[in-house]
Amino acid sequence: FPGLAVMNADATDPIVIYEGAGLAMRPNWSPDGELIAFLNCSSDSSSATVHTVSPNGADLVSLAEGAADCDWWPNSRFSWSPDGQYITFAGDFNRGGELGEGIYVMDVHSMWRKRLTNAADGNPAWSPQ
């Protein structure tokens, strides 16, 4: 199943929240449980998109998209800020005129984004408040 679903802890009542071309991977819940961030790799593994979606499948938002080697990107992880306003991710993405490989921080509501590094090595993480 290439999509994304949520269900109860006992595996009852599954709800498909994303069905698209390619493969949805690396889902990560926001700290408040209001959003799920995930990476969607194209079916030919040449591009990827970072999305957020609400747990009921509404409000799908594309945060960043670009070239990606999806054989490598599945090892990349997202990290939410403790307040759930920001997300960090590593990649080679293009949105809003900013190009290049790096570790990014992004406001999931305003779409503001900043590249923090010039290399996408590692898995960014937030320190606790």
C-alpha atoms as a PDB file:
ATOM      1  CA  PHE A   1       0.000   0.000   0.000  1.00  0.00           C
ATOM      2  CA  PRO A   2       1.761   3.183  -1.171  1.00  0.00           C
ATOM      3  CA  GLY A   3      -0.544   5.581   0.704  1.00  0.00           C
ATOM      4  CA  LEU A   4      -0.815   6.673   4.300  1.00  0.00           C
ATOM      5  CA  ALA A   5      -3.429   5.602   6.859  1.00  0.00           C
ATOM      6  CA  VAL A   6      -4.158   6.097  10.556  1.00  0.00           C
ATOM      7  CA  MET A   7      -5.921   3.663  12.861  1.00  0.00           C
ATOM      8  CA  ASN A   8      -6.503   2.861  16.494  1.00  0.00           C
ATOM      9  CA  ALA A   9      -3.696   1.251  18.476  1.00  0.00           C
ATOM     10  CA  ASP A  10      -5.477  -2.102  18.205  1.00  0.00           C
ATOM     11  CA  ALA A  11      -5.484  -1.775  14.358  1.00  0.00           C
ATOM     12  CA  THR A  12      -9.221  -1.091  14.154  1.00  0.00           C
ATOM     13  CA  ASP A  13     -10.955   1.666  12.199  1.00  0.00           C
ATOM     14  CA  PRO A  14      -8.258   2.419   9.598  1.00  0.00           C
ATOM     15  CA  ILE A  15      -8.698   5.704   7.710  1.00  0.00           C
ATOM     16  CA  VAL A  16      -6.740   6.329   4.501  1.00  0.00           C
ATOM     17  CA  ILE A  17      -5.497   9.913   4.748  1.00  0.00           C
ATOM     18  CA  TYR A  18      -3.319  10.044   1.628  1.00  0.00           C
ATOM     19  CA  GLU A  19      -3.423   8.206  -1.669  1.00  0.00           C
ATOM     20  CA  GLY A  20      -1.176   9.573  -4.383  1.00  0.00           C
ATOM     21  CA  ALA A  21       1.274   8.577  -7.038  1.00  0.00           C
ATOM     22  CA  GLY A  22       4.504   7.241  -5.633  1.00  0.00           C
ATOM     23  CA  LEU A  23       5.262   6.049  -2.125  1.00  0.00           C
ATOM     24  CA  ALA A  24       4.367   7.859   1.111  1.00  0.00           C
ATOM     25  CA  MET A  25       7.019   7.302   3.778  1.00  0.00           C
ATOM     26  CA  ARG A  26       8.468   8.517   7.066  1.00  0.00           C
ATOM     27  CA  PRO A  27       5.248   9.795   8.688  1.00  0.00           C
ATOM     28  CA  ASN A  28       5.861  11.893  11.786  1.00  0.00           C
ATOM     29  CA  TRP A  29       3.143  13.284  14.081  1.00  0.00           C
ATOM     30  CA  SER A  30       3.326  16.886  15.264  1.00  0.00           C
ATOM     31  CA  PRO A  31       3.657  17.254  19.057  1.00  0.00           C
ATOM     32  CA  ASP A  32       0.038  18.413  19.381  1.00  0.00           C
ATOM     33  CA  GLY A  33      -1.283  15.590  17.174  1.00  0.00           C
ATOM     34  CA  GLU A  34      -2.871  18.059  14.725  1.00  0.00           C
ATOM     35  CA  LEU A  35      -0.647  17.279  11.687  1.00  0.00           C
ATOM     36  CA  ILE A  36       1.370  14.445  10.193  1.00  0.00           C
ATOM     37  CA  ALA A  37       4.433  15.269   8.076  1.00  0.00           C
ATOM     38  CA  PHE A  38       5.564  12.742   5.491  1.00  0.00           C
ATOM     39  CA  LEU A  39       7.697  12.347   2.400  1.00  0.00           C
ATOM     40  CA  ASN A  40       6.160  11.219  -0.877  1.00  0.00           C
ATOM     41  CA  CYS A  41       8.616   9.771  -3.422  1.00  0.00           C
ATOM     42  CA  SER A  42       7.603   9.689  -7.077  1.00  0.00           C
ATOM     43  CA  SER A  43       7.011   6.283  -8.644  1.00  0.00           C
ATOM     44  CA  ASP A  44      10.306   6.558 -10.569  1.00  0.00           C
ATOM     45  CA  SER A  45      12.192   7.668  -7.391  1.00  0.00           C
ATOM     46  CA  SER A  46      13.476  10.846  -9.073  1.00  0.00           C
ATOM     47  CA  SER A  47      11.602  13.435  -7.004  1.00  0.00           C
ATOM     48  CA  ALA A  48      10.091  13.863  -3.581  1.00  0.00           C
ATOM     49  CA  THR A  49       7.613  16.149  -1.844  1.00  0.00           C
ATOM     50  CA  VAL A  50       7.337  16.956   1.854  1.00  0.00           C
ATOM     51  CA  HIS A  51       3.662  17.140   2.877  1.00  0.00           C
ATOM     52  CA  THR A  52       1.621  17.720   5.978  1.00  0.00           C
ATOM     53  CA  VAL A  53      -1.912  16.394   6.416  1.00  0.00           C
ATOM     54  CA  SER A  54      -4.400  16.322   9.274  1.00  0.00           C
ATOM     55  CA  PRO A  55      -5.174  12.933  10.855  1.00  0.00           C
ATOM     56  CA  ASN A  56      -8.584  12.846   9.140  1.00  0.00           C
ATOM     57  CA  GLY A  57      -7.038  13.347   5.679  1.00  0.00           C
ATOM     58  CA  ALA A  58      -8.061  16.993   5.277  1.00  0.00           C
ATOM     59  CA  ASP A  59      -5.763  19.937   4.733  1.00  0.00           C
ATOM     60  CA  LEU A  60      -3.033  18.287   2.621  1.00  0.00           C
ATOM     61  CA  VAL A  61      -0.232  20.846   2.144  1.00  0.00           C
ATOM     62  CA  SER A  62       2.908  20.537   0.035  1.00  0.00           C
ATOM     63  CA  LEU A  63       5.758  22.137   1.996  1.00  0.00           C
ATOM     64  CA  ALA A  64       8.694  21.464  -0.321  1.00  0.00           C
ATOM     65  CA  GLU A  65       9.415  19.564  -3.492  1.00  0.00           C
ATOM     66  CA  GLY A  66      12.404  18.768  -5.622  1.00  0.00           C
ATOM     67  CA  ALA A  67      14.897  16.287  -6.931  1.00  0.00           C
ATOM     68  CA  ALA A  68      15.606  13.403  -4.643  1.00  0.00           C
ATOM     69  CA  ASP A  69      17.286  10.053  -4.705  1.00  0.00           C
ATOM     70  CA  CYS A  70      14.505   8.164  -2.962  1.00  0.00           C
ATOM     71  CA  ASP A  71      16.834   5.232  -2.354  1.00  0.00           C
ATOM     72  CA  TRP A  72      18.683   7.588   0.023  1.00  0.00           C
ATOM     73  CA  TRP A  73      15.865   9.864   1.264  1.00  0.00           C
ATOM     74  CA  PRO A  74      14.013   7.123   3.124  1.00  0.00           C
ATOM     75  CA  ASN A  75      16.782   7.419   5.726  1.00  0.00           C
ATOM     76  CA  SER A  76      15.997  11.100   6.243  1.00  0.00           C
ATOM     77  CA  ARG A  77      13.702  12.072   9.059  1.00  0.00           C
ATOM     78  CA  PHE A  78      11.579  15.068   9.994  1.00  0.00           C
ATOM     79  CA  SER A  79      11.788  16.749  13.343  1.00  0.00           C
ATOM     80  CA  TRP A  80       9.049  18.948  14.775  1.00  0.00           C
ATOM     81  CA  SER A  81       9.799  21.876  17.070  1.00  0.00           C
ATOM     82  CA  PRO A  82       8.393  21.275  20.564  1.00  0.00           C
ATOM     83  CA  ASP A  83       5.588  23.803  19.885  1.00  0.00           C
ATOM     84  CA  GLY A  84       4.685  22.197  16.519  1.00  0.00           C
ATOM     85  CA  GLN A  85       5.152  25.435  14.556  1.00  0.00           C
ATOM     86  CA  TYR A  86       8.332  24.422  12.727  1.00  0.00           C
ATOM     87  CA  ILE A  87       9.674  21.335  11.059  1.00  0.00           C
ATOM     88  CA  THR A  88      13.223  20.504  10.068  1.00  0.00           C
ATOM     89  CA  PHE A  89      14.180  18.199   7.235  1.00  0.00           C
ATOM     90  CA  ALA A  90      17.173  17.384   5.078  1.00  0.00           C
ATOM     91  CA  GLY A  91      16.966  17.438   1.302  1.00  0.00           C
ATOM     92  CA  ASP A  92      17.654  19.022  -2.063  1.00  0.00           C
ATOM     93  CA  PHE A  93      14.452  20.973  -2.473  1.00  0.00           C
ATOM     94  CA  ASN A  94      13.238  23.962  -4.464  1.00  0.00           C
ATOM     95  CA  ARG A  95      10.434  26.215  -3.312  1.00  0.00           C
ATOM     96  CA  GLY A  96      10.162  29.974  -3.274  1.00  0.00           C
ATOM     97  CA  GLY A  97      13.405  30.595  -5.169  1.00  0.00           C
ATOM     98  CA  GLU A  98      15.661  28.804  -2.695  1.00  0.00           C
ATOM     99  CA  LEU A  99      17.632  26.009  -4.289  1.00  0.00           C
ATOM    100  CA  GLY A 100      20.021  23.436  -3.031  1.00  0.00           C
ATOM    101  CA  GLU A 101      20.897  20.622  -0.771  1.00  0.00           C
ATOM    102  CA  GLY A 102      20.813  21.276   2.924  1.00  0.00           C
ATOM    103  CA  ILE A 103      19.052  21.028   6.226  1.00  0.00           C
ATOM    104  CA  TYR A 104      16.001  23.280   6.320  1.00  0.00           C
ATOM    105  CA  VAL A 105      13.719  24.709   8.972  1.00  0.00           C
ATOM    106  CA  MET A 106      10.219  25.648   7.906  1.00  0.00           C
ATOM    107  CA  ASP A 107       7.158  27.244   9.488  1.00  0.00           C
ATOM    108  CA  VAL A 108       4.358  24.809   8.599  1.00  0.00           C
ATOM    109  CA  HIS A 109       1.705  27.548   8.688  1.00  0.00           C
ATOM    110  CA  SER A 110       3.315  30.538   6.934  1.00  0.00           C
ATOM    111  CA  MET A 111       5.540  28.430   4.614  1.00  0.00           C
ATOM    112  CA  TRP A 112       8.585  30.525   5.638  1.00  0.00           C
ATOM    113  CA  ARG A 113      11.695  28.426   5.080  1.00  0.00           C
ATOM    114  CA  LYS A 114      15.423  28.823   5.672  1.00  0.00           C
ATOM    115  CA  ARG A 115      18.304  26.622   4.631  1.00  0.00           C
ATOM    116  CA  LEU A 116      20.557  26.089   7.670  1.00  0.00           C
ATOM    117  CA  THR A 117      23.381  24.112   6.041  1.00  0.00           C
ATOM    118  CA  ASN A 118      24.775  23.468   2.569  1.00  0.00           C
ATOM    119  CA  ALA A 119      24.789  19.713   3.015  1.00  0.00           C
ATOM    120  CA  ALA A 120      21.908  17.377   3.747  1.00  0.00           C
ATOM    121  CA  ASP A 121      23.883  14.974   5.903  1.00  0.00           C
ATOM    122  CA  GLY A 122      22.250  13.656   9.020  1.00  0.00           C
ATOM    123  CA  ASN A 123      18.878  13.790  10.642  1.00  0.00           C
ATOM    124  CA  PRO A 124      18.085  17.193  12.147  1.00  0.00           C
ATOM    125  CA  ALA A 125      16.520  17.252  15.597  1.00  0.00           C
ATOM    126  CA  TRP A 126      15.220  19.868  18.015  1.00  0.00           C
ATOM    127  CA  SER A 127      16.460  20.142  21.564  1.00  0.00           C
ATOM    128  CA  PRO A 128      13.765  20.066  24.241  1.00  0.00           C
ATOM    129  CA  GLN A 129      12.518  23.454  25.457  1.00  0.00           C
END
